[in-house]
Amino acid sequence: MAKKLQQMTQEELKAFYQEALKEYEECKAKGLKLDMSRGKPGRAQVSISDDMFDIDIRQHMISDGIDIGNYGGFDGLPCCKRYFADLLGVQEDEVFAGGNASLNLMYDTISKAYTHGLLRSPEPWCKLDKVKWLCPAPGYDRHFKVSQSFGMELITVPMTEEGPDMDMVEELVKDPAVKGIWCVPKFSNPDGIVYSEEVVNRIAALKPAAPDFVIMWDNAYCVHEFQGEFVPFSDIITLCREAGRPDMVFEFASTSKVTYPGAGIACFAASKENVAYMKKLMSIQTIGFDKMNQLRHVLYLKDKEHTIAHMKKHAEFMKPKFDLVEEWLSREIAPLGIGHWHKPLGGYFVSFFALPGCAKRTNELAKEAGVVMTGAGATYPYGIDPEDSNLRIAPSYPPLEELREAMAVFCACVKLAAAEHMLNN
């Protein structure tokens, strides 16, 4: 049985370092060029949706009275809104169906708040001295960058096993300068945590000092189980309405990891009043989105039941890859006591925590050995992980054999970085 590094004598640690260095140099000598930087499906996985192109949409050119080949239907085809309403468990008139990217809709929401204010804003955010934003971390780097791009002060909220630290959130929202929070409630990026019912209810019951405080509810992985059966999830729109704050939340979803990343369909769901307000603002920037793509997706995916069945095909690709990551970390890292990680049942990432002070070095070593990963610190506001510990593993893109090689490199880098750190400290 392997001995934990913390229990080794100085001489044993030096010997371990030499072994780790040898293992790393052997990996480096392979001249690999592997990519684990982003949570994107591989080509073979994406191709499971290719029969979508066998659908002849010409016989459906009039949909709910809307000519899909012409102007009109600015807020999305009714059939597309019904599809997302079914998927998210909301009402059809609470849905705005857009283009290919939910991130674009998220950015638009924040941008409109900055330039015009939200529905309940006393004034546009650009006129305020300071805007603060809550960022559960580890979290999604693109979320943080959206807020940062508008000059907001980012406040880190630690993630727990059940979701954001709600005691901290409830205290922070007493500040009227705190205008919102990012949430990835199911299979969070990168931890893979599913918010508990208690956390979801506490979020919906928030009583912020800011009248225009907004929950940005990015439900990106709402049907993305790769192990076990689909698990239903609470409808935040209804919960906020029942709590007396119906306009406090915008929920986002897309088919980016259901069909084609970059060529799917996306939506936001919100109160009817919020949808009407955003439609008025957004109608100035676009005449409408790609209704042909909306229709193509609805004809292919049909409804929630068929979408969940389709996601089972994705799971056949995803589960073996996550099992492989678990196998390598359990065998190579756990016995040495130099890292821990979350074991998700869905989503696209494994959140790995190296020894404090070792994440950047691990990432640097991996890059030198030909394995590209998301930058250390990216999962925290401003790209600064105070512990220099968290690394996001994205195993979905490489084929299994390449992933096996990448994990061999990653584990070698974790061991070498840990040995260096312990010898130097």
Protein backbone atom coordinates (compact mmCIF):
# COMPACT_ATOMS: atom_id res chain seq x y z
CA MET A 1 0.00 0.00 0.00
CA ALA A 2 1.33 3.43 -0.97
CA LYS A 3 2.46 5.74 1.78
CA LYS A 4 0.97 9.22 1.97
CA LEU A 5 3.47 11.95 1.13
CA GLN A 6 2.73 13.75 4.40
CA GLN A 7 3.91 10.63 6.29
CA MET A 8 7.20 10.25 4.39
CA THR A 9 10.58 11.07 5.83
CA GLN A 10 12.75 13.58 4.02
CA GLU A 11 14.74 10.78 2.42
CA GLU A 12 11.60 8.94 1.33
CA LEU A 13 10.23 12.16 -0.12
CA LYS A 14 13.42 12.74 -2.10
CA ALA A 15 13.23 9.21 -3.48
CA PHE A 16 9.58 9.71 -4.38
CA TYR A 17 10.47 12.95 -6.15
CA GLN A 18 13.06 11.18 -8.29
CA GLU A 19 10.54 8.50 -9.24
CA ALA A 20 7.91 11.12 -10.05
CA LEU A 21 10.41 13.08 -12.14
CA LYS A 22 11.34 9.95 -14.09
CA GLU A 23 7.66 9.15 -14.70
CA TYR A 24 7.04 12.71 -15.86
CA GLU A 25 10.02 12.75 -18.23
CA GLU A 26 8.79 9.50 -19.79
CA CYS A 27 5.40 11.12 -20.39
CA LYS A 28 7.02 14.22 -21.80
CA ALA A 29 9.14 12.18 -24.20
CA LYS A 30 6.00 10.88 -25.93
CA GLY A 31 5.47 14.27 -27.57
CA LEU A 32 1.74 14.27 -26.97
CA LYS A 33 -0.67 16.96 -28.15
CA LEU A 34 -3.88 16.39 -26.19
CA ASP A 35 -6.68 18.78 -25.27
CA MET A 36 -8.67 18.67 -22.01
CA SER A 37 -9.23 22.42 -21.85
CA ARG A 38 -12.94 22.70 -22.52
CA GLY A 39 -16.09 20.71 -21.87
CA LYS A 40 -16.99 19.84 -25.43
CA PRO A 41 -18.12 16.51 -26.89
CA GLY A 42 -15.93 14.61 -29.31
CA ARG A 43 -16.73 14.24 -32.99
CA ALA A 44 -18.15 10.73 -32.61
CA GLN A 45 -20.45 11.90 -29.81
CA VAL A 46 -21.70 14.91 -31.77
CA SER A 47 -22.47 12.68 -34.75
CA ILE A 48 -25.27 10.88 -32.89
CA SER A 49 -27.47 13.83 -33.90
CA ASP A 50 -26.55 13.71 -37.59
CA ASP A 51 -29.85 12.12 -38.60
CA MET A 52 -31.41 15.50 -37.76
CA PHE A 53 -30.40 16.49 -41.29
CA ASP A 54 -32.65 13.80 -42.74
CA ILE A 55 -35.65 15.86 -41.60
CA ASP A 56 -37.21 17.75 -44.50
CA ILE A 57 -38.43 20.99 -42.93
CA ARG A 58 -39.88 22.25 -46.25
CA GLN A 59 -43.20 20.61 -45.49
CA HIS A 60 -43.34 22.55 -42.18
CA MET A 61 -42.53 26.03 -43.48
CA ILE A 62 -45.65 27.43 -41.83
CA SER A 63 -45.46 26.72 -38.11
CA ASP A 64 -48.25 27.96 -35.82
CA GLY A 65 -49.12 30.46 -38.54
CA ILE A 66 -45.53 31.78 -38.77
CA ASP A 67 -43.56 31.57 -42.02
CA ILE A 68 -40.23 30.23 -40.80
CA GLY A 69 -38.49 31.43 -43.97
CA ASN A 70 -39.44 35.05 -43.40
CA TYR A 71 -39.42 37.73 -40.74
CA GLY A 72 -41.61 37.25 -37.67
CA GLY A 73 -41.61 35.17 -34.54
CA PHE A 74 -39.01 37.44 -32.91
CA ASP A 75 -39.19 35.71 -29.52
CA GLY A 76 -39.03 32.22 -31.00
CA LEU A 77 -41.39 29.81 -32.69
CA PRO A 78 -44.29 28.79 -30.43
CA CYS A 79 -43.32 25.13 -30.89
CA CYS A 80 -39.79 25.98 -29.72
CA LYS A 81 -41.09 27.81 -26.67
CA ARG A 82 -43.35 24.84 -25.89
CA TYR A 83 -40.33 22.53 -26.19
CA PHE A 84 -38.24 24.51 -23.69
CA ALA A 85 -41.24 24.96 -21.38
CA ASP A 86 -41.61 21.19 -21.29
CA LEU A 87 -37.88 20.69 -20.74
CA LEU A 88 -37.64 23.17 -17.86
CA GLY A 89 -41.08 22.70 -16.34
CA VAL A 90 -42.18 26.30 -16.91
CA GLN A 91 -45.04 27.94 -18.81
CA GLU A 92 -44.84 28.65 -22.53
CA ASP A 93 -45.35 32.39 -22.07
CA GLU A 94 -42.39 32.44 -19.67
CA VAL A 95 -39.98 31.40 -22.45
CA PHE A 96 -37.98 33.48 -24.93
CA ALA A 97 -36.35 31.22 -27.55
CA GLY A 98 -33.23 32.64 -29.17
CA GLY A 99 -30.23 31.59 -31.21
CA ASN A 100 -27.51 29.05 -30.66
CA ALA A 101 -25.96 30.29 -27.41
CA SER A 102 -27.38 30.68 -23.93
CA LEU A 103 -24.23 32.61 -22.99
CA ASN A 104 -25.25 35.27 -25.51
CA LEU A 105 -28.64 35.60 -23.78
CA MET A 106 -26.92 35.82 -20.39
CA TYR A 107 -24.63 38.55 -21.64
CA ASP A 108 -27.61 40.40 -23.13
CA THR A 109 -29.42 40.28 -19.79
CA ILE A 110 -26.47 41.77 -17.91
CA SER A 111 -25.83 44.27 -20.70
CA LYS A 112 -29.43 45.48 -20.65
CA ALA A 113 -29.27 45.82 -16.87
CA TYR A 114 -26.15 47.96 -17.28
CA THR A 115 -27.46 50.21 -20.05
CA HIS A 116 -31.20 50.35 -19.28
CA GLY A 117 -31.76 48.62 -15.96
CA LEU A 118 -33.90 45.55 -15.33
CA LEU A 119 -37.66 45.60 -14.85
CA ARG A 120 -37.38 46.54 -11.15
CA SER A 121 -34.31 48.80 -11.44
CA PRO A 122 -34.62 52.34 -10.06
CA GLU A 123 -31.98 53.32 -12.63
CA PRO A 124 -29.53 51.70 -15.08
CA TRP A 125 -26.58 50.04 -13.39
CA CYS A 126 -24.13 52.19 -15.38
CA LYS A 127 -25.22 55.17 -13.27
CA LEU A 128 -24.34 53.46 -9.99
CA ASP A 129 -21.09 54.05 -8.13
CA LYS A 130 -20.58 50.33 -7.59
CA VAL A 131 -22.20 47.07 -8.61
CA LYS A 132 -21.28 43.87 -6.78
CA TRP A 133 -21.89 40.34 -7.97
CA LEU A 134 -21.90 37.00 -6.11
CA CYS A 135 -19.82 34.25 -7.70
CA PRO A 136 -20.07 30.74 -6.22
CA ALA A 137 -16.65 29.18 -6.67
CA PRO A 138 -15.30 26.97 -8.03
CA GLY A 139 -17.51 28.12 -10.88
CA TYR A 140 -17.77 28.83 -14.60
CA ASP A 141 -15.07 31.22 -15.79
CA ARG A 142 -17.20 32.71 -18.58
CA HIS A 143 -19.86 33.76 -16.07
CA PHE A 144 -17.30 35.61 -14.02
CA LYS A 145 -15.85 37.32 -17.08
CA VAL A 146 -19.28 38.61 -18.13
CA SER A 147 -19.69 40.38 -14.79
CA GLN A 148 -16.09 41.54 -14.76
CA SER A 149 -16.40 43.00 -18.27
CA PHE A 150 -18.97 45.48 -16.93
CA GLY A 151 -16.70 46.56 -14.09
CA MET A 152 -18.57 44.75 -11.35
CA GLU A 153 -16.89 43.82 -8.08
CA LEU A 154 -16.84 40.03 -7.93
CA ILE A 155 -17.43 38.44 -4.54
CA THR A 156 -16.45 34.80 -4.05
CA VAL A 157 -19.02 32.59 -2.34
CA PRO A 158 -17.66 29.15 -1.39
CA MET A 159 -19.40 26.11 -2.81
CA THR A 160 -20.50 23.40 -0.40
CA GLU A 161 -21.60 19.85 -1.19
CA GLU A 162 -25.18 21.17 -1.47
CA GLY A 163 -24.55 24.37 -3.46
CA PRO A 164 -23.46 27.93 -2.57
CA ASP A 165 -22.88 28.79 1.10
CA MET A 166 -26.37 30.18 1.72
CA ASP A 167 -25.58 31.66 5.14
CA MET A 168 -23.02 33.85 3.38
CA VAL A 169 -25.35 34.63 0.45
CA GLU A 170 -28.20 35.67 2.75
CA GLU A 171 -25.87 38.03 4.60
CA LEU A 172 -24.30 39.52 1.45
CA VAL A 173 -27.62 40.37 -0.24
CA LYS A 174 -28.37 42.80 2.59
CA ASP A 175 -26.01 45.16 0.73
CA PRO A 176 -28.03 47.09 -1.91
CA ALA A 177 -24.95 47.21 -4.14
CA VAL A 178 -25.15 43.40 -4.54
CA LYS A 179 -27.16 42.99 -7.72
CA GLY A 180 -27.06 39.30 -8.51
CA ILE A 181 -25.63 35.80 -8.32
CA TRP A 182 -24.51 33.22 -10.86
CA CYS A 183 -25.91 29.71 -10.35
CA VAL A 184 -25.36 26.43 -12.20
CA PRO A 185 -27.85 24.43 -10.16
CA LYS A 186 -27.54 20.95 -11.64
CA PHE A 187 -24.16 19.28 -12.19
CA SER A 188 -22.43 22.59 -11.51
CA ASN A 189 -19.40 23.63 -13.52
CA PRO A 190 -16.87 22.34 -12.48
CA ASP A 191 -17.82 20.46 -9.27
CA GLY A 192 -20.76 18.52 -10.69
CA ILE A 193 -22.79 19.38 -7.59
CA VAL A 194 -26.59 19.24 -7.68
CA TYR A 195 -28.05 21.98 -5.50
CA SER A 196 -30.05 20.50 -2.64
CA GLU A 197 -33.76 21.22 -2.28
CA GLU A 198 -33.00 23.30 0.81
CA VAL A 199 -30.48 25.46 -1.06
CA VAL A 200 -32.85 25.98 -4.01
CA ASN A 201 -35.66 26.98 -1.66
CA ARG A 202 -33.39 29.40 0.24
CA ILE A 203 -32.28 30.99 -3.03
CA ALA A 204 -35.90 31.48 -4.12
CA ALA A 205 -36.75 32.93 -0.69
CA LEU A 206 -33.96 35.54 -0.73
CA LYS A 207 -34.94 39.05 0.38
CA PRO A 208 -32.21 41.20 -1.19
CA ALA A 209 -31.87 44.89 -0.39
CA ALA A 210 -31.58 45.65 -4.12
CA PRO A 211 -35.07 45.65 -5.72
CA ASP A 212 -33.52 44.53 -9.01
CA PHE A 213 -31.35 41.73 -7.62
CA VAL A 214 -31.29 38.92 -10.21
CA ILE A 215 -30.59 35.21 -9.99
CA MET A 216 -28.83 34.11 -13.17
CA TRP A 217 -29.90 30.45 -13.19
CA ASP A 218 -27.79 28.71 -15.85
CA ASN A 219 -29.47 25.32 -16.10
CA ALA A 220 -26.98 24.15 -18.72
CA TYR A 221 -26.98 20.49 -17.61
CA CYS A 222 -30.67 20.01 -16.82
CA VAL A 223 -30.92 16.64 -18.63
CA HIS A 224 -27.25 15.66 -18.65
CA GLU A 225 -27.09 12.62 -16.39
CA PHE A 226 -24.51 10.13 -17.61
CA GLN A 227 -25.03 7.71 -14.73
CA GLY A 228 -28.39 6.59 -13.42
CA GLU A 229 -31.84 7.75 -14.42
CA PHE A 230 -32.98 11.32 -15.02
CA VAL A 231 -33.56 13.18 -11.75
CA PRO A 232 -36.30 15.87 -11.81
CA PHE A 233 -35.33 19.28 -10.50
CA SER A 234 -37.26 22.10 -8.81
CA ASP A 235 -38.63 24.89 -11.03
CA ILE A 236 -36.98 28.07 -9.78
CA ILE A 237 -39.41 30.29 -11.75
CA THR A 238 -42.40 28.92 -9.83
CA LEU A 239 -40.56 28.96 -6.51
CA CYS A 240 -39.67 32.65 -6.89
CA ARG A 241 -43.23 33.47 -7.89
CA GLU A 242 -44.59 31.63 -4.85
CA ALA A 243 -42.08 33.47 -2.65
CA GLY A 244 -43.43 36.82 -3.88
CA ARG A 245 -40.42 37.72 -6.07
CA PRO A 246 -41.47 36.51 -9.55
CA ASP A 247 -39.11 38.89 -11.37
CA MET A 248 -35.98 37.92 -9.44
CA VAL A 249 -34.77 35.10 -11.71
CA PHE A 250 -33.73 34.46 -15.30
CA GLU A 251 -33.24 30.80 -16.21
CA PHE A 252 -31.12 29.75 -19.19
CA ALA A 253 -30.80 26.52 -21.16
CA SER A 254 -29.68 25.32 -24.56
CA THR A 255 -29.16 22.23 -26.70
CA SER A 256 -25.42 22.91 -26.99
CA LYS A 257 -24.52 19.54 -25.44
CA VAL A 258 -27.68 17.83 -26.63
CA THR A 259 -27.16 18.24 -30.38
CA TYR A 260 -24.48 20.55 -31.79
CA PRO A 261 -22.36 22.90 -29.67
CA GLY A 262 -22.37 26.18 -31.54
CA ALA A 263 -25.30 25.21 -33.77
CA GLY A 264 -28.13 24.43 -31.38
CA ILE A 265 -30.93 26.52 -29.88
CA ALA A 266 -31.11 28.40 -26.58
CA CYS A 267 -33.63 30.14 -24.39
CA PHE A 268 -34.22 32.10 -21.25
CA ALA A 269 -37.24 31.64 -19.00
CA ALA A 270 -38.53 34.35 -16.70
CA SER A 271 -41.74 35.93 -15.46
CA LYS A 272 -44.13 37.08 -18.19
CA GLU A 273 -43.38 40.67 -17.19
CA ASN A 274 -39.63 40.11 -17.49
CA VAL A 275 -40.05 38.47 -20.89
CA ALA A 276 -42.15 41.39 -22.14
CA TYR A 277 -39.61 43.92 -20.84
CA MET A 278 -36.64 42.12 -22.42
CA LYS A 279 -38.49 41.68 -25.73
CA LYS A 280 -38.98 45.42 -25.93
CA LEU A 281 -35.25 46.05 -25.46
CA MET A 282 -34.00 43.19 -27.62
CA SER A 283 -36.29 43.98 -30.55
CA ILE A 284 -34.02 46.92 -31.33
CA GLN A 285 -30.93 44.77 -31.80
CA THR A 286 -32.34 41.95 -33.94
CA ILE A 287 -35.32 41.17 -36.15
CA GLY A 288 -35.26 37.56 -35.04
CA PHE A 289 -33.29 34.36 -34.65
CA ASP A 290 -32.86 31.31 -36.89
CA LYS A 291 -36.38 29.85 -36.96
CA MET A 292 -35.37 27.08 -39.36
CA ASN A 293 -32.88 25.78 -36.81
CA GLN A 294 -35.46 26.11 -34.06
CA LEU A 295 -37.96 24.07 -36.06
CA ARG A 296 -35.37 21.48 -37.07
CA HIS A 297 -34.47 20.91 -33.44
CA VAL A 298 -38.07 20.66 -32.26
CA LEU A 299 -38.95 18.15 -35.00
CA TYR A 300 -35.90 16.10 -34.03
CA LEU A 301 -35.95 16.29 -30.22
CA LYS A 302 -39.78 16.45 -29.99
CA ASP A 303 -40.18 16.85 -26.22
CA LYS A 304 -38.59 16.24 -22.83
CA GLU A 305 -39.18 12.48 -22.93
CA HIS A 306 -37.49 12.07 -26.31
CA THR A 307 -34.66 14.41 -25.26
CA ILE A 308 -33.93 12.34 -22.16
CA ALA A 309 -33.85 9.21 -24.34
CA HIS A 310 -31.44 11.00 -26.68
CA MET A 311 -29.21 11.89 -23.73
CA LYS A 312 -28.87 8.18 -22.95
CA LYS A 313 -26.86 7.96 -26.18
CA HIS A 314 -24.59 10.72 -24.92
CA ALA A 315 -24.18 8.84 -21.64
CA GLU A 316 -22.75 5.87 -23.53
CA PHE A 317 -19.86 8.12 -24.54
CA MET A 318 -19.54 10.09 -21.32
CA LYS A 319 -19.69 7.48 -18.57
CA PRO A 320 -16.68 5.42 -19.72
CA LYS A 321 -14.60 8.61 -19.82
CA PHE A 322 -15.58 9.69 -16.32
CA ASP A 323 -15.04 6.14 -15.09
CA LEU A 324 -11.53 6.26 -16.56
CA VAL A 325 -10.77 9.55 -14.77
CA GLU A 326 -12.05 8.05 -11.51
CA GLU A 327 -9.94 4.93 -12.05
CA TRP A 328 -6.71 6.88 -12.56
CA LEU A 329 -7.24 9.30 -9.70
CA SER A 330 -8.28 6.53 -7.30
CA ARG A 331 -5.26 4.42 -8.19
CA GLU A 332 -2.55 7.04 -8.63
CA ILE A 333 -3.51 9.99 -6.41
CA ALA A 334 -5.83 8.96 -3.57
CA PRO A 335 -3.36 6.55 -1.85
CA LEU A 336 -0.74 9.32 -1.74
CA GLY A 337 -3.05 11.84 -0.05
CA ILE A 338 -2.16 14.59 -2.53
CA GLY A 339 -5.57 15.43 -3.96
CA HIS A 340 -9.31 14.99 -3.74
CA TRP A 341 -12.12 15.42 -6.22
CA HIS A 342 -15.86 15.33 -6.74
CA LYS A 343 -17.40 12.31 -8.43
CA PRO A 344 -20.28 13.71 -10.53
CA LEU A 345 -23.19 11.74 -11.96
CA GLY A 346 -23.71 14.18 -14.83
CA GLY A 347 -22.38 17.29 -16.50
CA TYR A 348 -19.02 17.66 -18.20
CA PHE A 349 -16.30 18.14 -15.58
CA VAL A 350 -14.38 16.70 -12.68
CA SER A 351 -13.28 19.27 -10.13
CA PHE A 352 -9.89 18.23 -8.77
CA PHE A 353 -8.21 19.78 -5.75
CA ALA A 354 -4.43 19.36 -5.59
CA LEU A 355 -2.41 20.17 -2.50
CA PRO A 356 -2.67 23.93 -1.82
CA GLY A 357 0.01 25.75 -3.78
CA CYS A 358 0.25 23.08 -6.50
CA ALA A 359 -2.43 23.79 -9.11
CA LYS A 360 -0.49 26.28 -11.26
CA ARG A 361 2.61 24.11 -11.21
CA THR A 362 0.58 21.02 -12.14
CA ASN A 363 -0.99 22.89 -15.04
CA GLU A 364 2.40 24.17 -16.18
CA LEU A 365 3.91 20.68 -16.13
CA ALA A 366 0.96 19.26 -18.06
CA LYS A 367 1.30 21.90 -20.75
CA GLU A 368 5.00 21.16 -21.12
CA ALA A 369 4.13 17.46 -21.52
CA GLY A 370 1.60 18.21 -24.27
CA VAL A 371 -1.69 18.18 -22.33
CA VAL A 372 -3.66 21.44 -22.48
CA MET A 373 -6.05 22.09 -19.59
CA THR A 374 -8.16 25.02 -18.43
CA GLY A 375 -5.84 27.45 -16.66
CA ALA A 376 -5.38 27.06 -12.93
CA GLY A 377 -7.45 29.67 -11.13
CA ALA A 378 -9.99 30.00 -13.97
CA THR A 379 -12.73 28.57 -11.77
CA TYR A 380 -12.48 31.56 -9.39
CA PRO A 381 -13.30 35.26 -9.84
CA TYR A 382 -10.50 37.26 -11.47
CA GLY A 383 -8.75 33.94 -12.19
CA ILE A 384 -7.34 33.86 -8.67
CA ASP A 385 -7.71 30.68 -6.63
CA PRO A 386 -6.66 31.74 -3.10
CA GLU A 387 -5.50 28.20 -2.36
CA ASP A 388 -3.92 27.57 -5.80
CA SER A 389 -5.54 24.16 -5.57
CA ASN A 390 -8.43 23.68 -8.02
CA LEU A 391 -8.06 22.22 -11.51
CA ARG A 392 -10.91 21.48 -13.91
CA ILE A 393 -10.64 18.17 -15.73
CA ALA A 394 -12.69 18.06 -18.94
CA PRO A 395 -12.62 14.45 -20.17
CA SER A 396 -15.36 14.61 -22.80
CA TYR A 397 -13.41 15.58 -25.93
CA PRO A 398 -10.52 13.07 -26.30
CA PRO A 399 -11.21 9.50 -27.45
CA LEU A 400 -10.76 6.98 -24.63
CA GLU A 401 -7.24 5.98 -25.62
CA GLU A 402 -6.08 9.61 -25.77
CA LEU A 403 -7.84 10.32 -22.47
CA ARG A 404 -5.96 7.43 -20.90
CA GLU A 405 -2.68 9.00 -22.03
CA ALA A 406 -3.80 12.43 -20.82
CA MET A 407 -4.69 11.07 -17.37
CA ALA A 408 -1.31 9.35 -17.14
CA VAL A 409 0.32 12.72 -17.78
CA PHE A 410 -2.01 14.54 -15.39
CA CYS A 411 -1.36 12.12 -12.53
CA ALA A 412 2.38 12.27 -13.12
CA CYS A 413 2.19 16.08 -12.98
CA VAL A 414 0.14 16.06 -9.76
CA LYS A 415 2.71 13.77 -8.13
CA LEU A 416 5.72 15.78 -9.28
CA ALA A 417 4.19 19.13 -8.30
CA ALA A 418 3.25 17.76 -4.86
CA ALA A 419 6.74 16.35 -4.27
CA GLU A 420 8.40 19.61 -5.33
CA HIS A 421 6.09 21.62 -3.08
CA MET A 422 6.68 19.45 -0.04
CA LEU A 423 10.45 19.41 -0.51
CA ASN A 424 10.53 23.20 -0.87
CA ASN A 425 8.28 23.78 2.15
